[in-house]
Amino acid sequence: MLQAALTRVIARGGMDDSAVIIGAGCGRFLARQLADRLGRPYVDAASRVNGDAELREGAATMLPAWATAELLCRELPVT
């Protein structure tokens, strides 16, 4: 399903041919597989975190939740 959706985005010109697929969250192994299938470069979010292996793994897994919370906080008025 992910591959079909990404293929549609690419076909509509919504993703540059050189765009990197970044894997974040507990399903980032799927992003790696998708990048391999489509011949796209892949970057695991854990590789961009400083610290020991446990910290990098935890940060990469939690990144989508943090990003969602960050976006939500930008939209909600501070009370």
Protein backbone atom coordinates (compact mmCIF):
# COMPACT_ATOMS: atom_id res chain seq x y z
CA MET A 1 0.00 0.00 0.00
CA LEU A 2 2.80 2.39 0.86
CA GLN A 3 4.59 1.66 -2.39
CA ALA A 4 1.43 2.23 -4.43
CA ALA A 5 0.79 5.54 -2.66
CA LEU A 6 4.35 6.76 -3.12
CA THR A 7 4.34 5.68 -6.76
CA ARG A 8 1.22 7.82 -7.32
CA VAL A 9 2.89 10.81 -5.66
CA ILE A 10 5.98 10.38 -7.84
CA ALA A 11 3.87 9.99 -10.99
CA ARG A 12 2.11 13.29 -10.27
CA GLY A 13 5.44 15.05 -9.90
CA GLY A 14 5.04 15.43 -6.17
CA MET A 15 8.49 14.09 -5.33
CA ASP A 16 11.80 14.94 -6.94
CA ASP A 17 13.75 12.04 -8.46
CA SER A 18 16.61 12.62 -6.03
CA ALA A 19 14.43 12.88 -2.89
CA VAL A 20 15.66 10.87 0.07
CA ILE A 21 13.29 8.61 2.00
CA ILE A 22 13.76 9.18 5.72
CA GLY A 23 12.78 6.42 8.10
CA ALA A 24 11.36 7.41 11.47
CA GLY A 25 9.08 5.65 13.91
CA CYS A 26 8.65 2.01 14.78
CA GLY A 27 7.92 1.13 11.14
CA ARG A 28 11.03 2.67 9.66
CA PHE A 29 12.09 -0.74 8.40
CA LEU A 30 9.21 -0.36 5.93
CA ALA A 31 10.65 2.93 4.71
CA ARG A 32 13.99 1.20 4.13
CA GLN A 33 12.32 -1.58 2.13
CA LEU A 34 10.37 0.96 0.10
CA ALA A 35 13.52 2.96 -0.67
CA ASP A 36 15.27 -0.23 -1.77
CA ARG A 37 12.37 -1.26 -4.03
CA LEU A 38 12.19 2.15 -5.67
CA GLY A 39 15.95 2.65 -5.89
CA ARG A 40 15.80 5.71 -3.67
CA PRO A 41 18.38 6.85 -1.14
CA TYR A 42 17.44 6.10 2.47
CA VAL A 43 18.40 7.77 5.75
CA ASP A 44 17.45 6.31 9.12
CA ALA A 45 16.54 9.04 11.61
CA ALA A 46 18.64 7.23 14.23
CA SER A 47 21.76 8.06 12.23
CA ARG A 48 21.10 11.77 12.81
CA VAL A 49 20.95 11.55 16.62
CA ASN A 50 23.99 11.96 18.84
CA GLY A 51 24.34 9.54 21.74
CA ASP A 52 24.56 5.85 22.44
CA ALA A 53 22.66 3.20 20.49
CA GLU A 54 19.75 3.06 22.94
CA LEU A 55 19.25 6.83 22.82
CA ARG A 56 19.44 6.92 19.01
CA GLU A 57 16.93 4.07 18.70
CA GLY A 58 14.49 5.65 21.15
CA ALA A 59 14.71 9.07 19.54
CA ALA A 60 14.17 7.67 16.04
CA THR A 61 11.18 5.64 17.22
CA MET A 62 9.56 8.60 18.98
CA LEU A 63 10.27 11.19 16.28
CA PRO A 64 6.83 11.04 14.57
CA ALA A 65 5.04 11.47 17.92
CA TRP A 66 7.27 14.43 18.82
CA ALA A 67 6.73 16.03 15.40
CA THR A 68 2.97 15.64 15.72
CA ALA A 69 2.99 17.21 19.18
CA GLU A 70 5.19 20.05 17.92
CA LEU A 71 2.79 20.82 15.07
CA LEU A 72 -0.20 20.63 17.38
CA CYS A 73 1.40 23.04 19.86
CA ARG A 74 1.98 25.53 17.06
CA GLU A 75 -1.72 25.44 16.17
CA LEU A 76 -3.21 25.67 19.67
CA PRO A 77 -3.41 28.99 21.47
CA VAL A 78 -1.36 29.21 24.65
CA THR A 79 -3.58 29.59 27.71
